[in-house]
C-alpha atoms as a PDB file:
ATOM      1  CA  MET A   1    -109.061 -56.241  16.941  1.00  0.00           C
ATOM      2  CA  LEU A   2    -112.070 -55.240  14.837  1.00  0.00           C
ATOM      3  CA  ASP A   3    -114.383 -55.938  17.773  1.00  0.00           C
ATOM      4  CA  ILE A   4    -112.221 -53.793  20.036  1.00  0.00           C
ATOM      5  CA  VAL A   5    -112.221 -50.907  17.561  1.00  0.00           C
ATOM      6  CA  ALA A   6    -116.014 -51.190  17.176  1.00  0.00           C
ATOM      7  CA  ILE A   7    -116.493 -51.058  20.950  1.00  0.00           C
ATOM      8  CA  ALA A   8    -114.037 -48.163  21.241  1.00  0.00           C
ATOM      9  CA  GLN A   9    -115.936 -46.178  18.593  1.00  0.00           C
ATOM     10  CA  SER A  10    -119.226 -46.626  20.433  1.00  0.00           C
ATOM     11  CA  SER A  11    -117.778 -45.700  23.834  1.00  0.00           C
ATOM     12  CA  PRO A  12    -117.674 -42.074  24.969  1.00  0.00           C
ATOM     13  CA  GLY A  13    -114.269 -40.440  24.840  1.00  0.00           C
ATOM     14  CA  ALA A  14    -111.329 -40.418  22.474  1.00  0.00           C
ATOM     15  CA  MET A  15    -111.188 -43.473  20.253  1.00  0.00           C
ATOM     16  CA  ALA A  16    -107.415 -43.859  20.605  1.00  0.00           C
ATOM     17  CA  ILE A  17    -107.664 -43.986  24.387  1.00  0.00           C
ATOM     18  CA  ASN A  18    -110.633 -46.363  24.311  1.00  0.00           C
ATOM     19  CA  THR A  19    -108.890 -48.659  21.836  1.00  0.00           C
ATOM     20  CA  ALA A  20    -105.672 -48.674  23.879  1.00  0.00           C
ATOM     21  CA  ASN A  21    -107.638 -49.373  27.041  1.00  0.00           C
ATOM     22  CA  LEU A  22    -109.589 -52.288  25.563  1.00  0.00           C
ATOM     23  CA  LEU A  23    -106.599 -53.775  23.783  1.00  0.00           C
ATOM     24  CA  GLY A  24    -104.361 -53.490  26.850  1.00  0.00           C
ATOM     25  CA  TRP A  25    -107.050 -55.065  29.015  1.00  0.00           C
ATOM     26  CA  ARG A  26    -107.584 -57.902  26.545  1.00  0.00           C
ATOM     27  CA  LEU A  27    -103.862 -58.681  26.333  1.00  0.00           C
ATOM     28  CA  ARG A  28    -102.647 -58.114  29.925  1.00  0.00           C
ATOM     29  CA  GLY A  29    -105.626 -57.297  32.162  1.00  0.00           C
ATOM     30  CA  TRP A  30    -105.801 -54.170  34.269  1.00  0.00           C
ATOM     31  CA  ALA A  31    -102.039 -53.565  34.185  1.00  0.00           C
ATOM     32  CA  GLY A  32    -102.064 -53.756  30.392  1.00  0.00           C
ATOM     33  CA  ALA A  33    -105.015 -51.364  30.204  1.00  0.00           C
ATOM     34  CA  LEU A  34    -103.288 -48.863  32.498  1.00  0.00           C
ATOM     35  CA  LEU A  35     -99.997 -49.012  30.613  1.00  0.00           C
ATOM     36  CA  ALA A  36    -101.708 -48.800  27.219  1.00  0.00           C
ATOM     37  CA  VAL A  37    -103.687 -45.723  28.262  1.00  0.00           C
ATOM     38  CA  LEU A  38    -100.575 -44.095  29.713  1.00  0.00           C
ATOM     39  CA  GLY A  39     -98.705 -44.911  26.514  1.00  0.00           C
ATOM     40  CA  SER A  40    -101.448 -43.195  24.532  1.00  0.00           C
ATOM     41  CA  LEU A  41    -101.689 -40.155  26.807  1.00  0.00           C
ATOM     42  CA  LEU A  42     -98.119 -39.327  27.752  1.00  0.00           C
ATOM     43  CA  PRO A  43     -96.611 -38.501  24.322  1.00  0.00           C
ATOM     44  CA  PRO A  44     -99.336 -35.985  23.353  1.00  0.00           C
ATOM     45  CA  MET A  45     -99.264 -34.501  26.857  1.00  0.00           C
ATOM     46  CA  ALA A  46     -95.493 -34.086  26.669  1.00  0.00           C
ATOM     47  CA  ILE A  47     -95.798 -32.397  23.275  1.00  0.00           C
ATOM     48  CA  ILE A  48     -98.537 -30.042  24.526  1.00  0.00           C
ATOM     49  CA  ILE A  49     -96.476 -29.118  27.585  1.00  0.00           C
ATOM     50  CA  LEU A  50     -93.440 -28.478  25.371  1.00  0.00           C
ATOM     51  CA  VAL A  51     -95.449 -26.351  22.923  1.00  0.00           C
ATOM     52  CA  GLY A  52     -96.993 -24.444  25.845  1.00  0.00           C
ATOM     53  CA  HIS A  53     -93.560 -23.772  27.289  1.00  0.00           C
ATOM     54  CA  PHE A  54     -92.228 -22.424  23.995  1.00  0.00           C
ATOM     55  CA  TYR A  55     -95.425 -20.423  23.447  1.00  0.00           C
ATOM     56  CA  LEU A  56     -94.842 -18.656  26.758  1.00  0.00           C
ATOM     57  CA  LEU A  57     -91.297 -17.845  25.655  1.00  0.00           C
ATOM     58  CA  PHE A  58     -92.282 -16.517  22.211  1.00  0.00           C
ATOM     59  CA  ARG A  59     -95.827 -15.168  22.614  1.00  0.00           C
ATOM     60  CA  ASP A  60     -94.644 -11.537  22.668  1.00  0.00           C
ATOM     61  CA  ASN A  61     -92.662 -12.010  19.449  1.00  0.00           C
ATOM     62  CA  GLU A  62     -94.336 -10.066  16.622  1.00  0.00           C
ATOM     63  CA  ILE A  63     -93.683 -12.777  14.035  1.00  0.00           C
ATOM     64  CA  VAL A  64     -95.230 -15.468  16.227  1.00  0.00           C
ATOM     65  CA  ALA A  65     -98.254 -13.223  16.916  1.00  0.00           C
ATOM     66  CA  ASN A  66     -98.749 -12.687  13.171  1.00  0.00           C
ATOM     67  CA  VAL A  67     -98.440 -16.417  12.466  1.00  0.00           C
ATOM     68  CA  LEU A  68    -101.112 -17.117  15.082  1.00  0.00           C
ATOM     69  CA  LYS A  69    -103.387 -14.485  13.511  1.00  0.00           C
ATOM     70  CA  GLY A  70    -102.932 -16.181  10.144  1.00  0.00           C
ATOM     71  CA  MET A  71    -103.753 -19.546  11.688  1.00  0.00           C
ATOM     72  CA  THR A  72    -106.952 -18.052  13.107  1.00  0.00           C
ATOM     73  CA  ALA A  73    -108.057 -17.140   9.595  1.00  0.00           C
ATOM     74  CA  GLY A  74    -107.256 -20.660   8.407  1.00  0.00           C
ATOM     75  CA  ILE A  75    -109.252 -22.200  11.252  1.00  0.00           C
ATOM     76  CA  ALA A  76    -112.214 -19.960  10.406  1.00  0.00           C
ATOM     77  CA  ALA A  77    -112.047 -21.210   6.815  1.00  0.00           C
ATOM     78  CA  VAL A  78    -112.038 -24.848   7.961  1.00  0.00           C
ATOM     79  CA  ILE A  79    -115.039 -24.251  10.239  1.00  0.00           C
ATOM     80  CA  LEU A  80    -116.893 -22.491   7.408  1.00  0.00           C
ATOM     81  CA  HIS A  81    -116.172 -25.451   5.117  1.00  0.00           C
ATOM     82  CA  VAL A  82    -117.613 -27.868   7.694  1.00  0.00           C
ATOM     83  CA  VAL A  83    -120.714 -25.695   8.162  1.00  0.00           C
ATOM     84  CA  ILE A  84    -121.301 -25.506   4.395  1.00  0.00           C
ATOM     85  CA  GLY A  85    -120.983 -29.291   4.143  1.00  0.00           C
ATOM     86  CA  LEU A  86    -123.438 -29.768   7.019  1.00  0.00           C
ATOM     87  CA  VAL A  87    -125.982 -27.403   5.485  1.00  0.00           C
ATOM     88  CA  GLN A  88    -125.650 -29.087   2.078  1.00  0.00           C
ATOM     89  CA  MET A  89    -126.215 -32.493   3.686  1.00  0.00           C
ATOM     90  CA  LEU A  90    -129.287 -31.240   5.542  1.00  0.00           C
ATOM     91  CA  LEU A  91    -130.668 -29.698   2.334  1.00  0.00           C
ATOM     92  CA  VAL A  92    -130.096 -32.832   0.279  1.00  0.00           C
ATOM     93  CA  ASP A  93    -131.660 -35.056   2.956  1.00  0.00           C
ATOM     94  CA  ARG A  94    -134.506 -32.510   3.408  1.00  0.00           C
ATOM     95  CA  LYS A  95    -134.055 -32.408   7.157  1.00  0.00           C
ATOM     96  CA  TRP A  96    -135.738 -29.032   7.569  1.00  0.00           C
ATOM     97  CA  ILE A  97    -136.175 -29.262  11.326  1.00  0.00           C
ATOM     98  CA  MET A  98    -132.463 -29.901  11.881  1.00  0.00           C
ATOM     99  CA  LEU A  99    -131.535 -27.077   9.486  1.00  0.00           C
ATOM    100  CA  THR A 100    -133.887 -24.763  11.380  1.00  0.00           C
ATOM    101  CA  ILE A 101    -132.262 -25.759  14.689  1.00  0.00           C
ATOM    102  CA  CYS A 102    -128.817 -24.987  13.233  1.00  0.00           C
ATOM    103  CA  ILE A 103    -129.962 -21.542  12.089  1.00  0.00           C
ATOM    104  CA  ILE A 104    -131.664 -20.762  15.411  1.00  0.00           C
ATOM    105  CA  ALA A 105    -128.584 -21.923  17.360  1.00  0.00           C
ATOM    106  CA  PHE A 106    -126.346 -19.708  15.219  1.00  0.00           C
ATOM    107  CA  VAL A 107    -128.594 -16.668  15.638  1.00  0.00           C
ATOM    108  CA  ILE A 108    -128.794 -17.153  19.412  1.00  0.00           C
ATOM    109  CA  ALA A 109    -125.037 -17.666  19.739  1.00  0.00           C
ATOM    110  CA  PHE A 110    -124.122 -14.752  17.480  1.00  0.00           C
ATOM    111  CA  PHE A 111    -126.591 -12.113  18.626  1.00  0.00           C
ATOM    112  CA  THR A 112    -127.014 -12.866  22.336  1.00  0.00           C
ATOM    113  CA  GLY A 113    -124.677 -13.369  25.247  1.00  0.00           C
ATOM    114  CA  ILE A 114    -125.923 -16.887  25.950  1.00  0.00           C
ATOM    115  CA  ASN A 115    -123.099 -19.364  26.552  1.00  0.00           C
ATOM    116  CA  VAL A 116    -122.684 -21.814  23.669  1.00  0.00           C
ATOM    117  CA  VAL A 117    -122.648 -24.752  26.087  1.00  0.00           C
ATOM    118  CA  PHE A 118    -126.277 -24.037  27.007  1.00  0.00           C
ATOM    119  CA  ILE A 119    -127.227 -23.825  23.333  1.00  0.00           C
ATOM    120  CA  ILE A 120    -125.577 -27.187  22.664  1.00  0.00           C
ATOM    121  CA  ILE A 121    -127.345 -28.771  25.645  1.00  0.00           C
ATOM    122  CA  ALA A 122    -130.712 -27.367  24.513  1.00  0.00           C
ATOM    123  CA  ALA A 123    -130.151 -28.614  20.962  1.00  0.00           C
ATOM    124  CA  GLY A 124    -129.170 -32.033  22.331  1.00  0.00           C
ATOM    125  CA  VAL A 125    -132.317 -32.237  24.457  1.00  0.00           C
ATOM    126  CA  PHE A 126    -134.421 -31.234  21.465  1.00  0.00           C
ATOM    127  CA  GLY A 127    -132.655 -33.857  19.325  1.00  0.00           C
ATOM    128  CA  VAL A 128    -133.351 -36.591  21.866  1.00  0.00           C
ATOM    129  CA  LEU A 129    -137.020 -35.598  22.153  1.00  0.00           C
ATOM    130  CA  TYR A 130    -137.418 -35.321  18.391  1.00  0.00           C
ATOM    131  CA  GLY A 131    -135.636 -38.638  17.815  1.00  0.00           C
ATOM    132  CA  SER A 132    -137.797 -40.429  20.375  1.00  0.00           C
ATOM    133  CA  LYS A 133    -140.907 -38.982  18.717  1.00  0.00           C
ATOM    134  CA  ILE A 134    -139.775 -40.363  15.338  1.00  0.00           C
ATOM    135  CA  MET A 135    -138.975 -43.750  16.882  1.00  0.00           C
ATOM    136  CA  ASN A 136    -142.417 -43.887  18.542  1.00  0.00           C
ATOM    137  CA  ARG A 137    -144.063 -43.152  15.181  1.00  0.00           C
ATOM    138  CA  ALA A 138    -142.051 -45.942  13.543  1.00  0.00           C
ATOM    139  CA  ARG A 139    -143.126 -48.425  16.243  1.00  0.00           C
ATOM    140  CA  GLU A 140    -146.797 -47.525  15.797  1.00  0.00           C
ATOM    141  CA  LYS A 141    -146.682 -48.386  12.097  1.00  0.00           C
END
């Protein structure tokens, strides 16, 4: 089971789905993998569909609208907490280039109309190039 979880963590996609897929395949082959993935996907999908249905029924309700506005503020606080933790980690580890990339990405996203997806892709490309440069330096030593 530990091997399956390790493989699932290193595979792209949701870990729960990957774990279910690998475990189902290991126990019962392709049929087990299919059923395990369906068993992992169907309950959350059913809940999301149910919530979406009730949202459509109650979205014009003033109380529901105010609750959603309050949740937006809470989500902003959680995101701010994550950003502060990331910046603190980068400062402690003295990763100035990565901190600079974060600041540049924020400025571009906040003050321009550039889609955030393009900013993420550009930062990812830069990270790969920078990481390969560091790895090449380590090999030369």
